[in-house]
């Protein structure tokens, strides 16, 4: 067994901190907060708004990644 193993490439420097990731995560966190508030206060409108915000965050993050604002694919 060799003691001088090197990884095939250096890891990415941004560690996934991209515009697409930030947009998706902030959207999901705000949406989940709204869903929680809607469930505690028993307000279906706030609960549905939270679900919509989660979906917008996920779809928006996906579109931003496809537009080139996400983590580059491994080659």
PDB file of N, CA and C in Angstrom:
ATOM      1  N   UNK A   1       0.845  -1.178   0.000  1.00  0.00           N
ATOM      2  CA  UNK A   1       0.000   0.000   0.000  1.00  0.00           C
ATOM      3  C   UNK A   1       0.889   1.239   0.000  1.00  0.00           C
ATOM      4  N   UNK A   2       0.552   2.183  -0.805  1.00  0.00           N
ATOM      5  CA  UNK A   2       1.363   3.384  -0.957  1.00  0.00           C
ATOM      6  C   UNK A   2       0.998   4.422   0.104  1.00  0.00           C
ATOM      7  N   UNK A   3       2.012   5.091   0.643  1.00  0.00           N
ATOM      8  CA  UNK A   3       1.782   6.125   1.649  1.00  0.00           C
ATOM      9  C   UNK A   3       1.601   7.510   1.042  1.00  0.00           C
ATOM     10  N   UNK A   4       1.806   7.653  -0.242  1.00  0.00           N
ATOM     11  CA  UNK A   4       1.744   8.978  -0.862  1.00  0.00           C
ATOM     12  C   UNK A   4       0.530   9.120  -1.779  1.00  0.00           C
ATOM     13  N   UNK A   5      -0.646   8.858  -1.228  1.00  0.00           N
ATOM     14  CA  UNK A   5      -1.890   8.991  -1.988  1.00  0.00           C
ATOM     15  C   UNK A   5      -2.280  10.463  -2.098  1.00  0.00           C
ATOM     16  N   UNK A   6      -2.614  10.899  -3.290  1.00  0.00           N
ATOM     17  CA  UNK A   6      -3.125  12.253  -3.517  1.00  0.00           C
ATOM     18  C   UNK A   6      -4.514  12.159  -4.121  1.00  0.00           C
ATOM     19  N   UNK A   7      -5.415  13.040  -3.735  1.00  0.00           N
ATOM     20  CA  UNK A   7      -6.743  13.018  -4.352  1.00  0.00           C
ATOM     21  C   UNK A   7      -6.645  13.383  -5.828  1.00  0.00           C
ATOM     22  N   UNK A   8      -7.622  12.985  -6.638  1.00  0.00           N
ATOM     23  CA  UNK A   8      -7.563  13.259  -8.074  1.00  0.00           C
ATOM     24  C   UNK A   8      -7.589  14.755  -8.405  1.00  0.00           C
ATOM     25  N   UNK A   9      -8.186  15.575  -7.575  1.00  0.00           N
ATOM     26  CA  UNK A   9      -8.241  17.018  -7.830  1.00  0.00           C
ATOM     27  C   UNK A   9      -8.470  17.729  -6.506  1.00  0.00           C
ATOM     28  N   UNK A  10      -8.119  18.994  -6.466  1.00  0.00           N
ATOM     29  CA  UNK A  10      -8.363  19.763  -5.249  1.00  0.00           C
ATOM     30  C   UNK A  10      -9.855  20.046  -5.110  1.00  0.00           C
ATOM     31  N   UNK A  11     -10.351  20.152  -3.888  1.00  0.00           N
ATOM     32  CA  UNK A  11     -11.784  20.409  -3.702  1.00  0.00           C
ATOM     33  C   UNK A  11     -12.161  21.816  -4.166  1.00  0.00           C
ATOM     34  N   UNK A  12     -13.415  22.011  -4.433  1.00  0.00           N
ATOM     35  CA  UNK A  12     -13.912  23.313  -4.858  1.00  0.00           C
ATOM     36  C   UNK A  12     -13.683  24.341  -3.763  1.00  0.00           C
ATOM     37  N   UNK A  13     -13.331  25.550  -4.152  1.00  0.00           N
ATOM     38  CA  UNK A  13     -13.026  26.600  -3.182  1.00  0.00           C
ATOM     39  C   UNK A  13     -14.290  27.227  -2.588  1.00  0.00           C
ATOM     40  N   UNK A  14     -15.400  27.234  -3.329  1.00  0.00           N
ATOM     41  CA  UNK A  14     -16.583  27.939  -2.832  1.00  0.00           C
ATOM     42  C   UNK A  14     -17.453  27.076  -1.931  1.00  0.00           C
ATOM     43  N   UNK A  15     -17.196  25.782  -1.831  1.00  0.00           N
ATOM     44  CA  UNK A  15     -17.933  24.873  -0.951  1.00  0.00           C
ATOM     45  C   UNK A  15     -19.444  24.959  -1.132  1.00  0.00           C
ATOM     46  N   UNK A  16     -19.910  25.250  -2.325  1.00  0.00           N
ATOM     47  CA  UNK A  16     -21.341  25.307  -2.588  1.00  0.00           C
ATOM     48  C   UNK A  16     -22.001  26.628  -2.263  1.00  0.00           C
ATOM     49  N   UNK A  17     -21.230  27.637  -1.873  1.00  0.00           N
ATOM     50  CA  UNK A  17     -21.787  28.948  -1.551  1.00  0.00           C
ATOM     51  C   UNK A  17     -21.993  29.721  -2.850  1.00  0.00           C
ATOM     52  N   UNK A  18     -23.097  29.440  -3.514  1.00  0.00           N
ATOM     53  CA  UNK A  18     -23.397  30.069  -4.788  1.00  0.00           C
ATOM     54  C   UNK A  18     -24.721  30.818  -4.693  1.00  0.00           C
ATOM     55  N   UNK A  19     -24.973  31.648  -5.676  1.00  0.00           N
ATOM     56  CA  UNK A  19     -26.225  32.395  -5.708  1.00  0.00           C
ATOM     57  C   UNK A  19     -27.422  31.453  -5.736  1.00  0.00           C
ATOM     58  N   UNK A  20     -27.328  30.392  -6.523  1.00  0.00           N
ATOM     59  CA  UNK A  20     -28.434  29.439  -6.606  1.00  0.00           C
ATOM     60  C   UNK A  20     -28.692  28.763  -5.261  1.00  0.00           C
ATOM     61  N   UNK A  21     -27.627  28.379  -4.571  1.00  0.00           N
ATOM     62  CA  UNK A  21     -27.788  27.712  -3.274  1.00  0.00           C
ATOM     63  C   UNK A  21     -28.347  28.666  -2.224  1.00  0.00           C
ATOM     64  N   UNK A  22     -27.839  29.878  -2.186  1.00  0.00           N
ATOM     65  CA  UNK A  22     -28.349  30.862  -1.225  1.00  0.00           C
ATOM     66  C   UNK A  22     -29.821  31.162  -1.481  1.00  0.00           C
ATOM     67  N   UNK A  23     -30.193  31.356  -2.732  1.00  0.00           N
ATOM     68  CA  UNK A  23     -31.583  31.653  -3.073  1.00  0.00           C
ATOM     69  C   UNK A  23     -32.496  30.512  -2.636  1.00  0.00           C
ATOM     70  N   UNK A  24     -32.097  29.281  -2.948  1.00  0.00           N
ATOM     71  CA  UNK A  24     -32.928  28.131  -2.603  1.00  0.00           C
ATOM     72  C   UNK A  24     -33.047  27.972  -1.088  1.00  0.00           C
ATOM     73  N   UNK A  25     -31.945  28.082  -0.372  1.00  0.00           N
ATOM     74  CA  UNK A  25     -31.993  27.858   1.066  1.00  0.00           C
ATOM     75  C   UNK A  25     -32.748  28.956   1.812  1.00  0.00           C
ATOM     76  N   UNK A  26     -32.556  30.203   1.413  1.00  0.00           N
ATOM     77  CA  UNK A  26     -33.304  31.285   2.068  1.00  0.00           C
ATOM     78  C   UNK A  26     -34.788  31.140   1.777  1.00  0.00           C
ATOM     79  N   UNK A  27     -35.137  30.783   0.538  1.00  0.00           N
ATOM     80  CA  UNK A  27     -36.541  30.562   0.194  1.00  0.00           C
ATOM     81  C   UNK A  27     -37.158  29.440   1.006  1.00  0.00           C
ATOM     82  N   UNK A  28     -36.430  28.343   1.163  1.00  0.00           N
ATOM     83  CA  UNK A  28     -36.939  27.209   1.938  1.00  0.00           C
ATOM     84  C   UNK A  28     -37.079  27.581   3.414  1.00  0.00           C
ATOM     85  N   UNK A  29     -36.081  28.269   3.959  1.00  0.00           N
ATOM     86  CA  UNK A  29     -36.157  28.632   5.382  1.00  0.00           C
ATOM     87  C   UNK A  29     -37.308  29.586   5.666  1.00  0.00           C
ATOM     88  N   UNK A  30     -37.501  30.592   4.822  1.00  0.00           N
ATOM     89  CA  UNK A  30     -38.608  31.532   5.027  1.00  0.00           C
ATOM     90  C   UNK A  30     -39.945  30.810   4.852  1.00  0.00           C
ATOM     91  N   UNK A  31     -40.033  29.947   3.848  1.00  0.00           N
ATOM     92  CA  UNK A  31     -41.267  29.203   3.622  1.00  0.00           C
ATOM     93  C   UNK A  31     -41.616  28.283   4.772  1.00  0.00           C
ATOM     94  N   UNK A  32     -40.623  27.584   5.310  1.00  0.00           N
ATOM     95  CA  UNK A  32     -40.873  26.687   6.450  1.00  0.00           C
ATOM     96  C   UNK A  32     -41.287  27.496   7.675  1.00  0.00           C
ATOM     97  N   UNK A  33     -40.678  28.662   7.853  1.00  0.00           N
ATOM     98  CA  UNK A  33     -41.093  29.534   8.963  1.00  0.00           C
ATOM     99  C   UNK A  33     -42.558  29.936   8.812  1.00  0.00           C
ATOM    100  N   UNK A  34     -42.955  30.299   7.606  1.00  0.00           N
ATOM    101  CA  UNK A  34     -44.360  30.673   7.368  1.00  0.00           C
ATOM    102  C   UNK A  34     -45.297  29.484   7.595  1.00  0.00           C
ATOM    103  N   UNK A  35     -44.890  28.306   7.144  1.00  0.00           N
ATOM    104  CA  UNK A  35     -45.724  27.120   7.364  1.00  0.00           C
ATOM    105  C   UNK A  35     -45.886  26.870   8.864  1.00  0.00           C
ATOM    106  N   UNK A  36     -44.810  26.993   9.620  1.00  0.00           N
ATOM    107  CA  UNK A  36     -44.885  26.798  11.071  1.00  0.00           C
ATOM    108  C   UNK A  36     -45.790  27.806  11.741  1.00  0.00           C
ATOM    109  N   UNK A  37     -45.660  29.066  11.347  1.00  0.00           N
ATOM    110  CA  UNK A  37     -46.530  30.109  11.912  1.00  0.00           C
ATOM    111  C   UNK A  37     -47.980  29.841  11.541  1.00  0.00           C
ATOM    112  N   UNK A  38     -48.213  29.462  10.282  1.00  0.00           N
ATOM    113  CA  UNK A  38     -49.580  29.169   9.849  1.00  0.00           C
ATOM    114  C   UNK A  38     -50.192  27.997  10.581  1.00  0.00           C
ATOM    115  N   UNK A  39     -49.369  27.013  10.942  1.00  0.00           N
ATOM    116  CA  UNK A  39     -49.900  25.860  11.676  1.00  0.00           C
ATOM    117  C   UNK A  39     -50.186  26.213  13.134  1.00  0.00           C
ATOM    118  N   UNK A  40     -49.332  27.024  13.746  1.00  0.00           N
ATOM    119  CA  UNK A  40     -49.541  27.382  15.152  1.00  0.00           C
ATOM    120  C   UNK A  40     -50.732  28.315  15.305  1.00  0.00           C
ATOM    121  N   UNK A  41     -50.839  29.304  14.419  1.00  0.00           N
ATOM    122  CA  UNK A  41     -51.914  30.287  14.503  1.00  0.00           C
ATOM    123  C   UNK A  41     -53.190  29.763  13.839  1.00  0.00           C
ATOM    124  N   UNK A  42     -53.108  28.625  13.187  1.00  0.00           N
ATOM    125  CA  UNK A  42     -54.218  27.993  12.466  1.00  0.00           C
ATOM    126  C   UNK A  42     -54.781  28.959  11.422  1.00  0.00           C
ATOM    127  N   UNK A  43     -53.888  29.404  10.547  1.00  0.00           N
ATOM    128  CA  UNK A  43     -54.269  30.284   9.452  1.00  0.00           C
ATOM    129  C   UNK A  43     -53.873  29.605   8.140  1.00  0.00           C
ATOM    130  N   UNK A  44     -54.837  29.015   7.439  1.00  0.00           N
ATOM    131  CA  UNK A  44     -54.510  28.298   6.199  1.00  0.00           C
ATOM    132  C   UNK A  44     -53.852  29.194   5.137  1.00  0.00           C
ATOM    133  N   UNK A  45     -54.192  30.470   5.111  1.00  0.00           N
ATOM    134  CA  UNK A  45     -53.611  31.362   4.100  1.00  0.00           C
ATOM    135  C   UNK A  45     -52.100  31.488   4.307  1.00  0.00           C
ATOM    136  N   UNK A  46     -51.664  31.614   5.548  1.00  0.00           N
ATOM    137  CA  UNK A  46     -50.233  31.720   5.840  1.00  0.00           C
ATOM    138  C   UNK A  46     -49.545  30.388   5.560  1.00  0.00           C
ATOM    139  N   UNK A  47     -50.192  29.291   5.862  1.00  0.00           N
ATOM    140  CA  UNK A  47     -49.627  27.970   5.603  1.00  0.00           C
ATOM    141  C   UNK A  47     -49.433  27.759   4.104  1.00  0.00           C
ATOM    142  N   UNK A  48     -50.434  28.092   3.315  1.00  0.00           N
ATOM    143  CA  UNK A  48     -50.338  27.941   1.860  1.00  0.00           C
ATOM    144  C   UNK A  48     -49.286  28.889   1.292  1.00  0.00           C
ATOM    145  N   UNK A  49     -49.210  30.106   1.822  1.00  0.00           N
ATOM    146  CA  UNK A  49     -48.180  31.051   1.371  1.00  0.00           C
ATOM    147  C   UNK A  49     -46.787  30.489   1.655  1.00  0.00           C
ATOM    148  N   UNK A  50     -46.603  29.830   2.783  1.00  0.00           N
ATOM    149  CA  UNK A  50     -45.321  29.212   3.097  1.00  0.00           C
ATOM    150  C   UNK A  50     -44.961  28.108   2.125  1.00  0.00           C
ATOM    151  N   UNK A  51     -45.930  27.287   1.770  1.00  0.00           N
ATOM    152  CA  UNK A  51     -45.679  26.228   0.786  1.00  0.00           C
ATOM    153  C   UNK A  51     -45.304  26.838  -0.562  1.00  0.00           C
ATOM    154  N   UNK A  52     -45.974  27.905  -0.954  1.00  0.00           N
ATOM    155  CA  UNK A  52     -45.661  28.571  -2.217  1.00  0.00           C
ATOM    156  C   UNK A  52     -44.247  29.149  -2.180  1.00  0.00           C
ATOM    157  N   UNK A  53     -43.854  29.746  -1.060  1.00  0.00           N
ATOM    158  CA  UNK A  53     -42.507  30.312  -0.943  1.00  0.00           C
ATOM    159  C   UNK A  53     -41.457  29.204  -1.022  1.00  0.00           C
ATOM    160  N   UNK A  54     -41.711  28.065  -0.404  1.00  0.00           N
ATOM    161  CA  UNK A  54     -40.777  26.941  -0.504  1.00  0.00           C
ATOM    162  C   UNK A  54     -40.634  26.503  -1.959  1.00  0.00           C
ATOM    163  N   UNK A  55     -41.738  26.357  -2.657  1.00  0.00           N
ATOM    164  CA  UNK A  55     -41.687  25.931  -4.056  1.00  0.00           C
ATOM    165  C   UNK A  55     -40.979  26.960  -4.934  1.00  0.00           C
ATOM    166  N   UNK A  56     -41.239  28.239  -4.705  1.00  0.00           N
ATOM    167  CA  UNK A  56     -40.560  29.289  -5.479  1.00  0.00           C
ATOM    168  C   UNK A  56     -39.059  29.257  -5.207  1.00  0.00           C
ATOM    169  N   UNK A  57     -38.667  29.040  -3.960  1.00  0.00           N
ATOM    170  CA  UNK A  57     -37.254  28.957  -3.627  1.00  0.00           C
ATOM    171  C   UNK A  57     -36.566  27.789  -4.319  1.00  0.00           C
ATOM    172  N   UNK A  58     -37.205  26.623  -4.321  1.00  0.00           N
ATOM    173  CA  UNK A  58     -36.617  25.452  -4.955  1.00  0.00           C
ATOM    174  C   UNK A  58     -36.540  25.596  -6.471  1.00  0.00           C
ATOM    175  N   UNK A  59     -37.629  26.038  -7.080  1.00  0.00           N
ATOM    176  CA  UNK A  59     -37.641  26.201  -8.538  1.00  0.00           C
ATOM    177  C   UNK A  59     -36.699  27.327  -8.956  1.00  0.00           C
ATOM    178  N   UNK A  60     -36.684  28.425  -8.199  1.00  0.00           N
ATOM    179  CA  UNK A  60     -35.776  29.528  -8.514  1.00  0.00           C
ATOM    180  C   UNK A  60     -34.321  29.119  -8.392  1.00  0.00           C
ATOM    181  N   UNK A  61     -33.979  28.337  -7.373  1.00  0.00           N
ATOM    182  CA  UNK A  61     -32.622  27.830  -7.232  1.00  0.00           C
ATOM    183  C   UNK A  61     -32.236  26.920  -8.381  1.00  0.00           C
ATOM    184  N   UNK A  62     -33.167  26.098  -8.822  1.00  0.00           N
ATOM    185  CA  UNK A  62     -32.902  25.210  -9.954  1.00  0.00           C
ATOM    186  C   UNK A  62     -32.656  26.011 -11.230  1.00  0.00           C
ATOM    187  N   UNK A  63     -33.499  27.032 -11.470  1.00  0.00           N
ATOM    188  CA  UNK A  63     -33.308  27.873 -12.659  1.00  0.00           C
ATOM    189  C   UNK A  63     -31.984  28.636 -12.587  1.00  0.00           C
ATOM    190  N   UNK A  64     -31.624  29.139 -11.415  1.00  0.00           N
ATOM    191  CA  UNK A  64     -30.349  29.844 -11.276  1.00  0.00           C
ATOM    192  C   UNK A  64     -29.175  28.903 -11.526  1.00  0.00           C
ATOM    193  N   UNK A  65     -29.291  27.674 -11.075  1.00  0.00           N
ATOM    194  CA  UNK A  65     -28.218  26.709 -11.341  1.00  0.00           C
ATOM    195  C   UNK A  65     -28.102  26.440 -12.833  1.00  0.00           C
ATOM    196  N   UNK A  66     -29.240  26.269 -13.498  1.00  0.00           N
ATOM    197  CA  UNK A  66     -29.213  26.036 -14.944  1.00  0.00           C
ATOM    198  C   UNK A  66     -28.695  27.256 -15.700  1.00  0.00           C
ATOM    199  N   UNK A  67     -28.858  28.454 -15.128  1.00  0.00           N
ATOM    200  CA  UNK A  67     -28.387  29.688 -15.759  1.00  0.00           C
ATOM    201  C   UNK A  67     -26.894  29.915 -15.505  1.00  0.00           C
ATOM    202  N   UNK A  68     -26.247  29.030 -14.747  1.00  0.00           N
ATOM    203  CA  UNK A  68     -24.828  29.147 -14.540  1.00  0.00           C
ATOM    204  C   UNK A  68     -24.421  29.790 -13.234  1.00  0.00           C
ATOM    205  N   UNK A  69     -25.353  29.976 -12.306  1.00  0.00           N
ATOM    206  CA  UNK A  69     -25.053  30.603 -11.029  1.00  0.00           C
ATOM    207  C   UNK A  69     -24.917  29.592  -9.895  1.00  0.00           C
ATOM    208  N   UNK A  70     -24.751  28.322 -10.240  1.00  0.00           N
ATOM    209  CA  UNK A  70     -24.626  27.284  -9.227  1.00  0.00           C
ATOM    210  C   UNK A  70     -23.257  26.658  -9.221  1.00  0.00           C
ATOM    211  N   UNK A  71     -23.142  25.573  -8.475  1.00  0.00           N
ATOM    212  CA  UNK A  71     -21.881  24.839  -8.394  1.00  0.00           C
ATOM    213  C   UNK A  71     -21.606  24.185  -9.747  1.00  0.00           C
ATOM    214  N   UNK A  72     -20.393  24.366 -10.301  1.00  0.00           N
ATOM    215  CA  UNK A  72     -20.089  23.716 -11.567  1.00  0.00           C
ATOM    216  C   UNK A  72     -20.076  22.202 -11.420  1.00  0.00           C
ATOM    217  N   UNK A  73     -20.448  21.513 -12.483  1.00  0.00           N
ATOM    218  CA  UNK A  73     -20.471  20.063 -12.465  1.00  0.00           C
ATOM    219  C   UNK A  73     -19.045  19.523 -12.424  1.00  0.00           C
ATOM    220  N   UNK A  74     -18.876  18.373 -11.772  1.00  0.00           N
ATOM    221  CA  UNK A  74     -17.564  17.730 -11.711  1.00  0.00           C
ATOM    222  C   UNK A  74     -17.212  17.214 -13.104  1.00  0.00           C
ATOM    223  N   UNK A  75     -15.992  17.428 -13.503  1.00  0.00           N
ATOM    224  CA  UNK A  75     -15.554  16.960 -14.820  1.00  0.00           C
ATOM    225  C   UNK A  75     -14.847  15.639 -14.711  1.00  0.00           C
TER     226      UNK A  75
END
